[in-house]
N, C-alpha and C. Protein backbone atom coordinates (compact mmCIF):
# COMPACT_ATOMS: atom_id res chain seq x y z
N UNK A 1 -114.59 -183.03 -162.52
CA UNK A 1 -114.91 -184.40 -162.24
C UNK A 1 -114.32 -185.32 -163.30
N UNK A 2 -114.41 -184.88 -164.54
CA UNK A 2 -113.89 -185.67 -165.63
C UNK A 2 -112.37 -185.78 -165.56
N UNK A 3 -111.72 -184.73 -165.13
CA UNK A 3 -110.26 -184.72 -164.99
C UNK A 3 -109.86 -185.72 -163.90
N UNK A 4 -110.60 -185.70 -162.81
CA UNK A 4 -110.30 -186.59 -161.69
C UNK A 4 -110.44 -188.06 -162.14
N UNK A 5 -111.47 -188.39 -162.87
CA UNK A 5 -111.68 -189.75 -163.37
C UNK A 5 -110.56 -190.15 -164.32
N UNK A 6 -110.17 -189.23 -165.16
CA UNK A 6 -109.09 -189.51 -166.10
C UNK A 6 -107.77 -189.76 -165.37
N UNK A 7 -107.48 -188.98 -164.34
CA UNK A 7 -106.25 -189.14 -163.56
C UNK A 7 -106.26 -190.47 -162.83
N UNK A 8 -107.39 -190.78 -162.18
CA UNK A 8 -107.49 -192.06 -161.45
C UNK A 8 -107.36 -193.23 -162.41
N UNK A 9 -108.00 -193.16 -163.55
CA UNK A 9 -107.90 -194.22 -164.55
C UNK A 9 -106.45 -194.35 -165.03
N UNK A 10 -105.79 -193.25 -165.25
CA UNK A 10 -104.39 -193.27 -165.70
C UNK A 10 -103.48 -193.89 -164.66
N UNK A 11 -103.68 -193.54 -163.39
CA UNK A 11 -102.87 -194.11 -162.32
C UNK A 11 -103.11 -195.61 -162.20
N UNK A 12 -104.38 -196.01 -162.22
CA UNK A 12 -104.69 -197.44 -162.14
C UNK A 12 -104.10 -198.21 -163.31
N UNK A 13 -104.22 -197.65 -164.51
CA UNK A 13 -103.67 -198.30 -165.69
C UNK A 13 -102.15 -198.45 -165.56
N UNK A 14 -101.47 -197.40 -165.12
CA UNK A 14 -100.01 -197.48 -165.00
C UNK A 14 -99.60 -198.48 -163.92
N UNK A 15 -100.34 -198.56 -162.83
CA UNK A 15 -100.04 -199.54 -161.79
C UNK A 15 -100.23 -200.97 -162.30
N UNK A 16 -101.33 -201.19 -162.99
CA UNK A 16 -101.58 -202.52 -163.52
C UNK A 16 -100.56 -202.90 -164.58
N UNK A 17 -100.21 -201.97 -165.45
CA UNK A 17 -99.25 -202.25 -166.50
C UNK A 17 -97.87 -202.51 -165.92
N UNK A 18 -97.45 -201.72 -164.93
CA UNK A 18 -96.12 -201.88 -164.36
C UNK A 18 -96.01 -203.18 -163.57
N UNK A 19 -97.08 -203.60 -162.89
CA UNK A 19 -97.00 -204.84 -162.13
C UNK A 19 -96.88 -206.05 -163.06
N UNK A 20 -97.55 -206.01 -164.20
CA UNK A 20 -97.42 -207.13 -165.13
C UNK A 20 -96.04 -207.12 -165.78
N UNK A 21 -95.50 -205.94 -165.99
CA UNK A 21 -94.15 -205.85 -166.56
C UNK A 21 -93.12 -206.37 -165.57
N UNK A 22 -93.29 -206.05 -164.30
CA UNK A 22 -92.36 -206.52 -163.27
C UNK A 22 -92.46 -208.03 -163.13
N UNK A 23 -93.68 -208.55 -163.20
CA UNK A 23 -93.88 -209.99 -163.05
C UNK A 23 -93.23 -210.77 -164.18
N UNK A 24 -93.06 -210.14 -165.34
CA UNK A 24 -92.48 -210.84 -166.47
C UNK A 24 -90.97 -210.69 -166.56
N UNK A 25 -90.35 -210.00 -165.61
CA UNK A 25 -88.90 -209.84 -165.65
C UNK A 25 -88.23 -211.19 -165.45
N UNK A 26 -87.07 -211.33 -166.06
CA UNK A 26 -86.32 -212.57 -165.94
C UNK A 26 -85.61 -212.62 -164.59
N UNK A 27 -85.42 -213.82 -164.10
CA UNK A 27 -84.70 -214.01 -162.85
C UNK A 27 -83.22 -213.77 -163.09
N UNK A 28 -82.53 -213.37 -162.04
CA UNK A 28 -81.09 -213.15 -162.14
C UNK A 28 -80.40 -214.49 -162.39
N UNK A 29 -80.88 -215.53 -161.71
CA UNK A 29 -80.33 -216.87 -161.88
C UNK A 29 -81.41 -217.75 -162.48
N UNK A 30 -81.05 -218.48 -163.50
CA UNK A 30 -81.99 -219.39 -164.14
C UNK A 30 -82.40 -220.48 -163.14
N UNK A 31 -83.70 -220.74 -162.99
CA UNK A 31 -84.15 -221.76 -162.03
C UNK A 31 -83.52 -223.13 -162.27
N UNK A 32 -83.31 -223.49 -163.51
CA UNK A 32 -82.67 -224.78 -163.81
C UNK A 32 -81.23 -224.81 -163.31
N UNK A 33 -80.54 -223.69 -163.49
CA UNK A 33 -79.16 -223.61 -163.00
C UNK A 33 -79.12 -223.67 -161.48
N UNK A 34 -80.11 -223.05 -160.85
CA UNK A 34 -80.18 -223.09 -159.39
C UNK A 34 -80.42 -224.52 -158.90
N UNK A 35 -81.34 -225.23 -159.54
CA UNK A 35 -81.60 -226.63 -159.16
C UNK A 35 -80.36 -227.48 -159.35
N UNK A 36 -79.64 -227.25 -160.44
CA UNK A 36 -78.43 -228.01 -160.71
C UNK A 36 -77.36 -227.73 -159.65
N UNK A 37 -77.22 -226.48 -159.26
CA UNK A 37 -76.24 -226.12 -158.23
C UNK A 37 -76.58 -226.76 -156.89
N UNK A 38 -77.86 -226.76 -156.55
CA UNK A 38 -78.29 -227.39 -155.29
C UNK A 38 -78.03 -228.89 -155.34
N UNK A 39 -78.31 -229.51 -156.47
CA UNK A 39 -78.08 -230.96 -156.62
C UNK A 39 -76.59 -231.28 -156.52
N UNK A 40 -75.74 -230.44 -157.16
CA UNK A 40 -74.29 -230.65 -157.08
C UNK A 40 -73.80 -230.53 -155.65
N UNK A 41 -74.32 -229.54 -154.90
CA UNK A 41 -73.92 -229.36 -153.51
C UNK A 41 -74.34 -230.55 -152.66
N UNK A 42 -75.52 -231.09 -152.93
CA UNK A 42 -76.00 -232.26 -152.19
C UNK A 42 -75.10 -233.47 -152.45
N UNK A 43 -74.67 -233.65 -153.69
CA UNK A 43 -73.77 -234.76 -154.02
C UNK A 43 -72.43 -234.57 -153.33
N UNK A 44 -71.90 -233.35 -153.34
CA UNK A 44 -70.63 -233.06 -152.68
C UNK A 44 -70.74 -233.30 -151.19
N UNK A 45 -71.82 -232.83 -150.59
CA UNK A 45 -72.02 -233.03 -149.15
C UNK A 45 -72.09 -234.52 -148.81
N UNK A 46 -72.79 -235.29 -149.63
CA UNK A 46 -72.90 -236.73 -149.36
C UNK A 46 -71.55 -237.41 -149.49
N UNK A 47 -70.75 -237.02 -150.49
CA UNK A 47 -69.41 -237.59 -150.66
C UNK A 47 -68.54 -237.24 -149.46
N UNK A 48 -68.60 -235.99 -148.99
CA UNK A 48 -67.83 -235.59 -147.82
C UNK A 48 -68.30 -236.35 -146.57
N UNK A 49 -69.60 -236.50 -146.43
CA UNK A 49 -70.17 -237.22 -145.28
C UNK A 49 -69.71 -238.68 -145.29
N UNK A 50 -69.74 -239.31 -146.46
CA UNK A 50 -69.29 -240.70 -146.58
C UNK A 50 -67.81 -240.85 -146.26
N UNK A 51 -67.01 -239.88 -146.69
CA UNK A 51 -65.58 -239.91 -146.41
C UNK A 51 -65.32 -239.82 -144.91
N UNK A 52 -65.96 -238.88 -144.25
CA UNK A 52 -65.76 -238.71 -142.80
C UNK A 52 -66.22 -239.95 -142.05
N UNK A 53 -67.38 -240.48 -142.42
CA UNK A 53 -67.87 -241.70 -141.77
C UNK A 53 -66.95 -242.88 -142.03
N UNK A 54 -66.40 -242.96 -143.23
CA UNK A 54 -65.45 -244.03 -143.56
C UNK A 54 -64.22 -243.99 -142.66
N UNK A 55 -63.71 -242.79 -142.42
CA UNK A 55 -62.55 -242.66 -141.54
C UNK A 55 -62.93 -243.00 -140.10
N UNK A 56 -64.11 -242.57 -139.68
CA UNK A 56 -64.54 -242.86 -138.31
C UNK A 56 -64.79 -244.36 -138.10
N UNK A 57 -65.09 -245.10 -139.15
CA UNK A 57 -65.33 -246.54 -139.03
C UNK A 57 -64.05 -247.37 -139.00
N UNK A 58 -62.93 -246.75 -139.29
CA UNK A 58 -61.66 -247.50 -139.32
C UNK A 58 -61.28 -247.96 -137.91
N UNK A 59 -60.73 -249.18 -137.81
CA UNK A 59 -60.36 -249.72 -136.50
C UNK A 59 -59.33 -248.86 -135.76
N UNK A 60 -58.39 -248.27 -136.51
CA UNK A 60 -57.37 -247.43 -135.87
C UNK A 60 -58.01 -246.23 -135.17
N UNK A 61 -59.01 -245.66 -135.81
CA UNK A 61 -59.68 -244.49 -135.25
C UNK A 61 -60.45 -244.89 -134.00
N UNK A 62 -61.15 -246.00 -134.07
CA UNK A 62 -61.91 -246.47 -132.90
C UNK A 62 -60.97 -246.76 -131.73
N UNK A 63 -59.83 -247.35 -132.03
CA UNK A 63 -58.85 -247.68 -130.98
C UNK A 63 -58.32 -246.42 -130.31
N UNK A 64 -57.96 -245.44 -131.10
CA UNK A 64 -57.43 -244.18 -130.54
C UNK A 64 -58.52 -243.47 -129.75
N UNK A 65 -59.71 -243.43 -130.27
CA UNK A 65 -60.81 -242.76 -129.57
C UNK A 65 -61.13 -243.46 -128.24
N UNK A 66 -61.12 -244.80 -128.25
CA UNK A 66 -61.37 -245.54 -127.01
C UNK A 66 -60.30 -245.24 -125.96
N UNK A 67 -59.04 -245.20 -126.40
CA UNK A 67 -57.95 -244.90 -125.45
C UNK A 67 -58.10 -243.52 -124.84
N UNK A 68 -58.64 -242.58 -125.61
CA UNK A 68 -58.78 -241.21 -125.13
C UNK A 68 -60.15 -240.93 -124.51
N UNK A 69 -61.02 -241.93 -124.51
CA UNK A 69 -62.34 -241.75 -123.91
C UNK A 69 -63.31 -240.95 -124.76
N UNK A 70 -63.09 -240.91 -126.06
CA UNK A 70 -63.98 -240.19 -126.98
C UNK A 70 -64.97 -241.17 -127.60
N UNK A 71 -66.16 -240.70 -127.86
CA UNK A 71 -67.21 -241.54 -128.42
C UNK A 71 -67.25 -241.40 -129.94
N UNK A 72 -66.84 -242.45 -130.63
CA UNK A 72 -66.90 -242.45 -132.09
C UNK A 72 -68.35 -242.50 -132.54
N UNK A 73 -69.19 -243.22 -131.80
CA UNK A 73 -70.61 -243.30 -132.14
C UNK A 73 -71.25 -241.92 -132.10
N UNK A 74 -70.90 -241.15 -131.10
CA UNK A 74 -71.43 -239.78 -130.99
C UNK A 74 -70.95 -238.93 -132.17
N UNK A 75 -69.70 -239.10 -132.54
CA UNK A 75 -69.16 -238.36 -133.67
C UNK A 75 -69.85 -238.78 -134.97
N UNK A 76 -70.10 -240.07 -135.13
CA UNK A 76 -70.79 -240.56 -136.33
C UNK A 76 -72.20 -239.97 -136.41
N UNK A 77 -72.89 -239.93 -135.29
CA UNK A 77 -74.24 -239.36 -135.27
C UNK A 77 -74.22 -237.86 -135.56
N UNK A 78 -73.16 -237.20 -135.15
CA UNK A 78 -73.07 -235.75 -135.33
C UNK A 78 -72.76 -235.35 -136.76
N UNK A 79 -72.20 -236.25 -137.54
CA UNK A 79 -71.82 -235.92 -138.92
C UNK A 79 -73.03 -235.45 -139.73
N UNK A 80 -74.18 -236.03 -139.48
CA UNK A 80 -75.37 -235.65 -140.26
C UNK A 80 -75.88 -234.26 -139.91
N UNK A 81 -75.42 -233.69 -138.81
CA UNK A 81 -75.89 -232.36 -138.40
C UNK A 81 -74.98 -231.23 -138.89
N UNK A 82 -73.87 -231.56 -139.52
CA UNK A 82 -72.91 -230.54 -139.95
C UNK A 82 -73.42 -229.79 -141.17
N UNK A 83 -73.12 -228.50 -141.22
CA UNK A 83 -73.46 -227.70 -142.40
C UNK A 83 -72.46 -228.04 -143.51
N UNK A 84 -72.74 -227.57 -144.71
CA UNK A 84 -71.85 -227.83 -145.84
C UNK A 84 -70.44 -227.33 -145.59
N UNK A 85 -70.33 -226.15 -145.01
CA UNK A 85 -69.02 -225.56 -144.74
C UNK A 85 -68.26 -226.37 -143.70
N UNK A 86 -68.94 -226.71 -142.61
CA UNK A 86 -68.30 -227.51 -141.55
C UNK A 86 -67.91 -228.89 -142.08
N UNK A 87 -68.80 -229.46 -142.86
CA UNK A 87 -68.54 -230.78 -143.42
C UNK A 87 -67.34 -230.76 -144.36
N UNK A 88 -67.22 -229.72 -145.16
CA UNK A 88 -66.07 -229.61 -146.07
C UNK A 88 -64.76 -229.49 -145.29
N UNK A 89 -64.79 -228.74 -144.19
CA UNK A 89 -63.59 -228.58 -143.36
C UNK A 89 -63.18 -229.91 -142.73
N UNK A 90 -64.14 -230.63 -142.18
CA UNK A 90 -63.85 -231.92 -141.55
C UNK A 90 -63.42 -232.94 -142.61
N UNK A 91 -64.03 -232.90 -143.78
CA UNK A 91 -63.69 -233.83 -144.85
C UNK A 91 -62.25 -233.63 -145.32
N UNK A 92 -61.78 -232.40 -145.30
CA UNK A 92 -60.38 -232.14 -145.69
C UNK A 92 -59.43 -232.85 -144.73
N UNK A 93 -59.72 -232.77 -143.44
CA UNK A 93 -58.90 -233.49 -142.46
C UNK A 93 -59.04 -234.99 -142.64
N UNK A 94 -60.24 -235.44 -142.95
CA UNK A 94 -60.48 -236.87 -143.16
C UNK A 94 -59.71 -237.37 -144.38
N UNK A 95 -59.60 -236.55 -145.43
CA UNK A 95 -58.82 -236.94 -146.61
C UNK A 95 -57.36 -237.16 -146.24
N UNK A 96 -56.83 -236.26 -145.44
CA UNK A 96 -55.45 -236.39 -144.99
C UNK A 96 -55.27 -237.67 -144.18
N UNK A 97 -56.19 -237.92 -143.27
CA UNK A 97 -56.10 -239.13 -142.44
C UNK A 97 -56.25 -240.38 -143.29
N UNK A 98 -57.15 -240.35 -144.27
CA UNK A 98 -57.38 -241.50 -145.14
C UNK A 98 -56.12 -241.85 -145.92
N UNK A 99 -55.46 -240.85 -146.44
CA UNK A 99 -54.22 -241.08 -147.19
C UNK A 99 -53.16 -241.67 -146.28
N UNK A 100 -53.04 -241.12 -145.08
CA UNK A 100 -52.03 -241.62 -144.14
C UNK A 100 -52.34 -243.04 -143.69
N UNK A 101 -53.59 -243.32 -143.40
CA UNK A 101 -53.96 -244.66 -142.94
C UNK A 101 -53.88 -245.68 -144.06
N UNK A 102 -54.26 -245.30 -145.26
CA UNK A 102 -54.22 -246.22 -146.39
C UNK A 102 -52.79 -246.51 -146.82
N UNK A 103 -51.93 -245.52 -146.69
CA UNK A 103 -50.54 -245.69 -147.09
C UNK A 103 -49.71 -246.43 -146.08
N UNK A 104 -50.28 -246.70 -144.92
CA UNK A 104 -49.53 -247.42 -143.89
C UNK A 104 -48.38 -246.61 -143.33
N UNK A 105 -48.51 -245.32 -143.35
CA UNK A 105 -47.43 -244.48 -142.85
C UNK A 105 -47.22 -244.69 -141.35
N UNK A 106 -45.99 -244.59 -140.92
CA UNK A 106 -45.64 -244.80 -139.51
C UNK A 106 -45.64 -243.51 -138.72
N UNK A 107 -46.07 -242.43 -139.32
CA UNK A 107 -46.09 -241.15 -138.62
C UNK A 107 -47.33 -241.10 -137.73
N UNK A 108 -47.25 -241.81 -136.63
CA UNK A 108 -48.40 -241.95 -135.74
C UNK A 108 -48.79 -240.62 -135.12
N UNK A 109 -47.84 -239.72 -134.92
CA UNK A 109 -48.14 -238.44 -134.30
C UNK A 109 -49.06 -237.62 -135.21
N UNK A 110 -48.71 -237.55 -136.49
CA UNK A 110 -49.52 -236.79 -137.42
C UNK A 110 -50.89 -237.44 -137.60
N UNK A 111 -50.92 -238.74 -137.72
CA UNK A 111 -52.19 -239.44 -137.87
C UNK A 111 -53.06 -239.26 -136.64
N UNK A 112 -52.46 -239.38 -135.48
CA UNK A 112 -53.21 -239.23 -134.24
C UNK A 112 -53.79 -237.82 -134.15
N UNK A 113 -53.00 -236.82 -134.47
CA UNK A 113 -53.47 -235.44 -134.43
C UNK A 113 -54.62 -235.24 -135.41
N UNK A 114 -54.48 -235.75 -136.60
CA UNK A 114 -55.53 -235.59 -137.61
C UNK A 114 -56.81 -236.29 -137.19
N UNK A 115 -56.69 -237.51 -136.69
CA UNK A 115 -57.87 -238.26 -136.27
C UNK A 115 -58.57 -237.60 -135.09
N UNK A 116 -57.79 -237.14 -134.14
CA UNK A 116 -58.38 -236.46 -132.99
C UNK A 116 -59.07 -235.18 -133.42
N UNK A 117 -58.46 -234.48 -134.35
CA UNK A 117 -59.06 -233.25 -134.86
C UNK A 117 -60.42 -233.55 -135.50
N UNK A 118 -60.50 -234.60 -136.29
CA UNK A 118 -61.76 -234.97 -136.92
C UNK A 118 -62.82 -235.28 -135.87
N UNK A 119 -62.48 -236.12 -134.92
CA UNK A 119 -63.45 -236.53 -133.90
C UNK A 119 -63.89 -235.34 -133.07
N UNK A 120 -62.95 -234.51 -132.64
CA UNK A 120 -63.30 -233.38 -131.79
C UNK A 120 -64.12 -232.33 -132.54
N UNK A 121 -63.76 -232.05 -133.77
CA UNK A 121 -64.52 -231.05 -134.54
C UNK A 121 -65.95 -231.52 -134.72
N UNK A 122 -66.11 -232.79 -135.07
CA UNK A 122 -67.46 -233.31 -135.28
C UNK A 122 -68.28 -233.22 -134.00
N UNK A 123 -67.69 -233.62 -132.89
CA UNK A 123 -68.42 -233.60 -131.62
C UNK A 123 -68.73 -232.18 -131.19
N UNK A 124 -67.75 -231.27 -131.28
CA UNK A 124 -67.96 -229.91 -130.82
C UNK A 124 -68.95 -229.13 -131.68
N UNK A 125 -68.87 -229.34 -132.98
CA UNK A 125 -69.76 -228.62 -133.89
C UNK A 125 -71.20 -229.08 -133.70
N UNK A 126 -71.38 -230.33 -133.36
CA UNK A 126 -72.73 -230.88 -133.24
C UNK A 126 -73.42 -230.44 -131.95
N UNK A 127 -72.72 -229.84 -131.04
CA UNK A 127 -73.33 -229.43 -129.76
C UNK A 127 -74.32 -228.36 -129.93
């Protein structure tokens, strides 16, 4: 009987000791670093979102979309539903379009393709 009590006490002690040791282990990623990474991603996402919306607000984009029967308003509403990855992809196209539109380039074919790509990706991804 005494042996059984000693064994049970030993097992309970080892379980209690190991659980407190596990609870005190350090995290793989520092919580502060994790918060900082999430904050950085949120800032990047907002910058990408603003860029895409800025391109969609341009008169040239609205004109092209109207001629093709695409809804810029629908695309603008869909921007907020994009994931970080999708938003980064669309923002890359928007950067190209922004440079072309700001520079006054006459390459309407490339601009048209880029703008249509932005509008269509936003609309299709949001479905």
